[in-house]
Amino acid sequence: MISSPTDFPTVSRHDLPALSTAQMVEVDRLMIEEYGIHLIQMMENAGRNLADMAQAMLAGDVQDRPILALAGRGNNGGGGLVAARHLANRGADVQVMLARSLEDFGGVPAHQLDILLAMGVSVTTAGDGWELPSADLILDALIGYGLNGNPGGAAAGLIQLANSHPAAILSLDAPSGLDASNGRIYDPCIRAAVTLTLALPKAGLYAAPDVTGELFVADISVPPALYDDLGIELPSIFTRAPILQVV
């Protein structure tokens, strides 16, 4: 049974600036180049928070609960792989399905994938005729905030299969198939029960509540001074918890 997460403090969307894709790209760049907060650290923070949200949706107990993580080869997929590791370590029965072959992964996402393989977590690559296994929860980490067209290939097939699956879907940063800047819903697009966005909400999430579901925002350790550099006025929002529900 899936619970609606209620244990997180709330923050009003009126108190949160919404970022465009270009602004989020700049946040990522400054994190790395100006502050030395590298991608592997951001990915770890994102994935751990995603695992915490998944656990909250499963009423706090993931022991032996079947969880399916759908992952692309990019940084969003890497965050999903980190979440899969944390959930497996907590006792969940985790299966990972990739939208691309193992050989297509590179950089930090490949590193996260290698860890899962070393742990013995079930990892398969989607293909023609595949069906999704039984699961209590699906993690959507297929496509990140940079989408600007209809999903294709195995990712599109996995989106369609996830939407027809009885399990609730938890999306990382933005539902796969949604333009995070303007809210355009591409075909196909994940219809999430919950979206856990990172750092700050993306503008398109507010424009597409039917696919975003309940919206939460997670801390990935962006220094407040970085927002100042971009001319974004933002008080310290994570003083009460690293995950907040946006209302």
Protein backbone atom coordinates (compact mmCIF):
# COMPACT_ATOMS: atom_id res chain seq x y z
CA MET A 1 0.00 0.00 0.00
CA ILE A 2 1.28 3.46 -0.91
CA SER A 3 0.96 6.26 1.62
CA SER A 4 0.69 9.93 0.79
CA PRO A 5 3.84 11.43 2.34
CA THR A 6 2.71 13.66 5.19
CA ASP A 7 5.73 13.77 7.50
CA PHE A 8 7.56 16.52 5.63
CA PRO A 9 7.31 20.24 6.45
CA THR A 10 5.55 22.36 3.86
CA VAL A 11 6.62 25.43 1.93
CA SER A 12 4.37 27.65 -0.16
CA ARG A 13 5.11 27.80 -3.87
CA HIS A 14 4.68 31.56 -3.56
CA ASP A 15 7.86 31.60 -1.45
CA LEU A 16 9.89 29.61 -3.95
CA PRO A 17 11.32 31.02 -7.17
CA ALA A 18 10.89 28.60 -10.07
CA LEU A 19 13.94 27.95 -12.23
CA SER A 20 14.12 27.73 -15.99
CA THR A 21 16.19 25.01 -17.61
CA ALA A 22 18.88 27.57 -18.44
CA GLN A 23 19.05 28.68 -14.80
CA MET A 24 19.32 25.10 -13.59
CA VAL A 25 22.15 24.44 -16.03
CA GLU A 26 23.91 27.47 -14.58
CA VAL A 27 23.31 26.27 -11.02
CA ASP A 28 24.92 22.94 -11.88
CA ARG A 29 27.87 24.69 -13.56
CA LEU A 30 28.54 27.02 -10.66
CA MET A 31 28.23 24.18 -8.14
CA ILE A 32 31.08 22.38 -9.91
CA GLU A 33 33.28 25.19 -11.22
CA GLU A 34 32.98 27.80 -8.48
CA TYR A 35 32.29 25.77 -5.35
CA GLY A 36 33.93 22.42 -6.06
CA ILE A 37 30.73 20.50 -5.33
CA HIS A 38 31.12 17.79 -7.93
CA LEU A 39 28.53 15.81 -9.83
CA ILE A 40 29.07 12.67 -7.78
CA GLN A 41 28.19 14.63 -4.62
CA MET A 42 25.08 16.20 -6.14
CA MET A 43 24.00 12.82 -7.49
CA GLU A 44 24.47 11.19 -4.10
CA ASN A 45 22.36 13.87 -2.43
CA ALA A 46 19.64 13.53 -5.06
CA GLY A 47 19.52 9.75 -4.89
CA ARG A 48 19.53 9.57 -1.10
CA ASN A 49 16.64 12.02 -0.94
CA LEU A 50 14.77 10.01 -3.57
CA ALA A 51 15.25 6.86 -1.48
CA ASP A 52 13.95 8.71 1.59
CA MET A 53 10.85 9.80 -0.33
CA ALA A 54 10.28 6.26 -1.62
CA GLN A 55 10.51 4.96 1.94
CA ALA A 56 8.00 7.56 3.12
CA MET A 57 5.58 6.52 0.36
CA LEU A 58 5.89 2.92 1.60
CA ALA A 59 4.89 3.96 5.13
CA GLY A 60 8.48 3.99 6.37
CA ASP A 61 9.25 0.29 5.90
CA VAL A 62 10.88 -0.99 2.71
CA GLN A 63 11.93 -4.42 4.02
CA ASP A 64 11.29 -6.93 1.20
CA ARG A 65 9.13 -4.42 -0.68
CA PRO A 66 9.49 -4.77 -4.46
CA ILE A 67 10.67 -1.47 -5.98
CA LEU A 68 11.41 -0.94 -9.67
CA ALA A 69 13.83 1.81 -10.74
CA LEU A 70 13.70 2.95 -14.37
CA ALA A 71 16.94 4.71 -15.30
CA GLY A 72 18.33 6.52 -18.31
CA ARG A 73 22.02 6.94 -18.98
CA GLY A 74 22.22 10.61 -17.95
CA ASN A 75 22.61 12.32 -14.60
CA ASN A 76 18.93 11.89 -13.76
CA GLY A 77 19.35 8.17 -14.30
CA GLY A 78 22.44 8.23 -12.09
CA GLY A 79 20.36 9.71 -9.28
CA GLY A 80 17.88 6.87 -9.70
CA LEU A 81 20.71 4.35 -9.48
CA VAL A 82 21.91 5.94 -6.23
CA ALA A 83 18.37 5.66 -4.84
CA ALA A 84 18.27 2.01 -5.87
CA ARG A 85 21.50 1.40 -3.92
CA HIS A 86 20.20 3.05 -0.77
CA LEU A 87 16.90 1.18 -0.95
CA ALA A 88 18.64 -2.16 -1.52
CA ASN A 89 20.85 -1.46 1.49
CA ARG A 90 17.71 -0.80 3.54
CA GLY A 91 16.29 -4.22 2.67
CA ALA A 92 14.07 -3.48 -0.31
CA ASP A 93 13.75 -5.95 -3.18
CA VAL A 94 15.07 -3.60 -5.87
CA GLN A 95 15.08 -4.23 -9.59
CA VAL A 96 16.59 -1.78 -12.08
CA MET A 97 15.57 -1.52 -15.72
CA LEU A 98 17.76 0.56 -18.02
CA ALA A 99 16.64 2.49 -21.08
CA ARG A 100 20.06 1.99 -22.67
CA SER A 101 22.60 -0.83 -22.74
CA LEU A 102 25.30 -1.08 -20.07
CA GLU A 103 27.91 -0.04 -22.63
CA ASP A 104 26.10 3.24 -23.28
CA PHE A 105 26.63 4.46 -19.72
CA GLY A 106 29.62 6.69 -19.00
CA GLY A 107 31.03 9.00 -16.38
CA VAL A 108 29.41 9.20 -12.96
CA PRO A 109 26.21 7.32 -13.95
CA ALA A 110 28.39 4.40 -15.10
CA HIS A 111 30.16 4.49 -11.74
CA GLN A 112 26.81 4.25 -9.94
CA LEU A 113 25.78 1.38 -12.20
CA ASP A 114 29.02 -0.50 -11.48
CA ILE A 115 28.29 -0.26 -7.74
CA LEU A 116 24.86 -1.83 -8.19
CA LEU A 117 26.30 -4.63 -10.30
CA ALA A 118 28.96 -5.29 -7.65
CA MET A 119 26.19 -5.46 -5.02
CA GLY A 120 24.29 -8.03 -7.04
CA VAL A 121 21.23 -5.83 -7.58
CA SER A 122 19.11 -7.05 -10.50
CA VAL A 123 19.84 -4.86 -13.55
CA THR A 124 18.29 -5.48 -16.95
CA THR A 125 18.05 -3.52 -20.20
CA ALA A 126 14.65 -2.86 -21.70
CA GLY A 127 13.91 -4.22 -25.14
CA ASP A 128 11.12 -5.21 -27.51
CA GLY A 129 8.49 -7.37 -25.87
CA TRP A 130 9.59 -6.51 -22.32
CA GLU A 131 7.03 -6.16 -19.57
CA LEU A 132 7.59 -4.51 -16.21
CA PRO A 133 7.80 -6.82 -13.21
CA SER A 134 5.47 -6.60 -10.24
CA ALA A 135 6.36 -3.71 -7.92
CA ASP A 136 4.89 -1.69 -5.07
CA LEU A 137 6.54 1.50 -6.33
CA ILE A 138 8.21 2.67 -9.54
CA LEU A 139 11.05 5.20 -9.53
CA ASP A 140 11.14 7.31 -12.69
CA ALA A 141 14.71 8.43 -13.42
CA LEU A 142 14.61 8.14 -17.19
CA ILE A 143 14.93 11.74 -18.44
CA GLY A 144 16.08 14.89 -16.64
CA TYR A 145 15.14 18.54 -16.87
CA GLY A 146 16.77 19.05 -20.30
CA LEU A 147 14.08 17.36 -22.42
CA ASN A 148 12.90 19.37 -25.43
CA GLY A 149 11.03 16.87 -27.58
CA ASN A 150 9.06 13.65 -27.53
CA PRO A 151 10.86 10.80 -25.76
CA GLY A 152 11.92 8.02 -28.07
CA GLY A 153 13.35 4.53 -28.10
CA ALA A 154 13.28 2.35 -25.03
CA ALA A 155 12.63 5.35 -22.76
CA ALA A 156 9.31 5.97 -24.51
CA GLY A 157 8.36 2.33 -24.16
CA LEU A 158 9.22 2.32 -20.46
CA ILE A 159 7.15 5.47 -19.89
CA GLN A 160 4.13 3.82 -21.51
CA LEU A 161 4.61 0.62 -19.51
CA ALA A 162 5.02 2.55 -16.26
CA ASN A 163 1.82 4.51 -16.84
CA SER A 164 -0.13 1.29 -17.39
CA HIS A 165 1.40 -0.40 -14.31
CA PRO A 166 -0.71 -0.53 -11.13
CA ALA A 167 2.16 0.79 -8.96
CA ALA A 168 2.45 4.47 -8.07
CA ILE A 169 5.26 6.39 -9.79
CA LEU A 170 7.79 8.60 -8.01
CA SER A 171 9.64 10.89 -10.43
CA LEU A 172 13.05 12.40 -9.83
CA ASP A 173 13.30 16.15 -10.57
CA ALA A 174 10.59 16.12 -13.28
CA PRO A 175 8.31 13.47 -14.78
CA SER A 176 10.00 11.98 -17.84
CA GLY A 177 8.32 13.49 -20.89
CA LEU A 178 7.62 16.90 -19.33
CA ASP A 179 9.37 20.04 -20.49
CA ALA A 180 10.50 21.32 -17.12
CA SER A 181 10.83 24.91 -18.32
CA ASN A 182 7.37 25.53 -19.76
CA GLY A 183 5.19 22.61 -18.71
CA ARG A 184 4.68 21.20 -22.20
CA ILE A 185 3.61 17.57 -21.93
CA TYR A 186 5.30 15.51 -24.61
CA ASP A 187 4.13 12.12 -25.85
CA PRO A 188 4.55 9.90 -23.94
CA CYS A 189 4.91 11.44 -20.50
CA ILE A 190 5.09 9.86 -17.07
CA ARG A 191 2.07 10.54 -14.87
CA ALA A 192 3.63 10.66 -11.44
CA ALA A 193 1.91 10.32 -8.09
CA VAL A 194 4.79 12.28 -6.55
CA THR A 195 7.61 14.34 -8.06
CA LEU A 196 10.71 15.07 -5.99
CA THR A 197 12.41 18.04 -7.63
CA LEU A 198 15.93 19.13 -6.75
CA ALA A 199 17.26 22.43 -5.36
CA LEU A 200 14.26 24.51 -6.47
CA PRO A 201 11.11 23.76 -8.46
CA LYS A 202 11.34 24.00 -12.21
CA ALA A 203 8.81 26.38 -13.77
CA GLY A 204 7.12 23.68 -15.82
CA LEU A 205 6.20 21.64 -12.77
CA TYR A 206 3.73 24.26 -11.61
CA ALA A 207 2.14 24.34 -15.07
CA ALA A 208 1.49 20.57 -15.28
CA PRO A 209 -0.03 19.31 -12.01
CA ASP A 210 -1.78 16.41 -13.75
CA VAL A 211 1.55 14.73 -14.54
CA THR A 212 3.61 16.12 -11.64
CA GLY A 213 1.34 14.84 -8.86
CA GLU A 214 2.25 15.93 -5.35
CA LEU A 215 5.35 18.11 -5.49
CA PHE A 216 8.29 18.00 -3.09
CA VAL A 217 11.65 19.76 -3.22
CA ALA A 218 14.94 18.31 -1.93
CA ASP A 219 18.18 19.90 -0.80
CA ILE A 220 21.24 19.00 -2.89
CA SER A 221 23.52 21.40 -0.99
CA VAL A 222 23.38 24.45 -3.23
CA PRO A 223 25.19 27.26 -1.36
CA PRO A 224 22.91 30.28 -0.74
CA ALA A 225 25.61 32.56 -2.17
CA LEU A 226 25.25 30.78 -5.51
CA TYR A 227 21.66 31.95 -5.80
CA ASP A 228 22.84 35.45 -4.90
CA ASP A 229 25.29 35.26 -7.82
CA LEU A 230 22.36 34.54 -10.14
CA GLY A 231 20.26 37.37 -8.75
CA ILE A 232 17.80 34.97 -7.12
CA GLU A 233 16.51 36.06 -3.72
CA LEU A 234 15.94 33.02 -1.57
CA PRO A 235 15.84 32.61 2.21
CA SER A 236 17.19 29.42 3.77
CA ILE A 237 14.33 27.05 3.01
CA PHE A 238 15.76 23.77 4.31
CA THR A 239 16.11 24.83 7.93
CA ARG A 240 13.49 22.29 9.06
CA ALA A 241 14.24 19.30 6.84
CA PRO A 242 16.11 18.34 3.65
CA ILE A 243 12.80 17.55 1.91
CA LEU A 244 9.81 19.91 1.86
CA GLN A 245 6.33 19.52 0.41
CA VAL A 246 5.43 22.35 -1.96
CA VAL A 247 1.87 23.53 -1.41
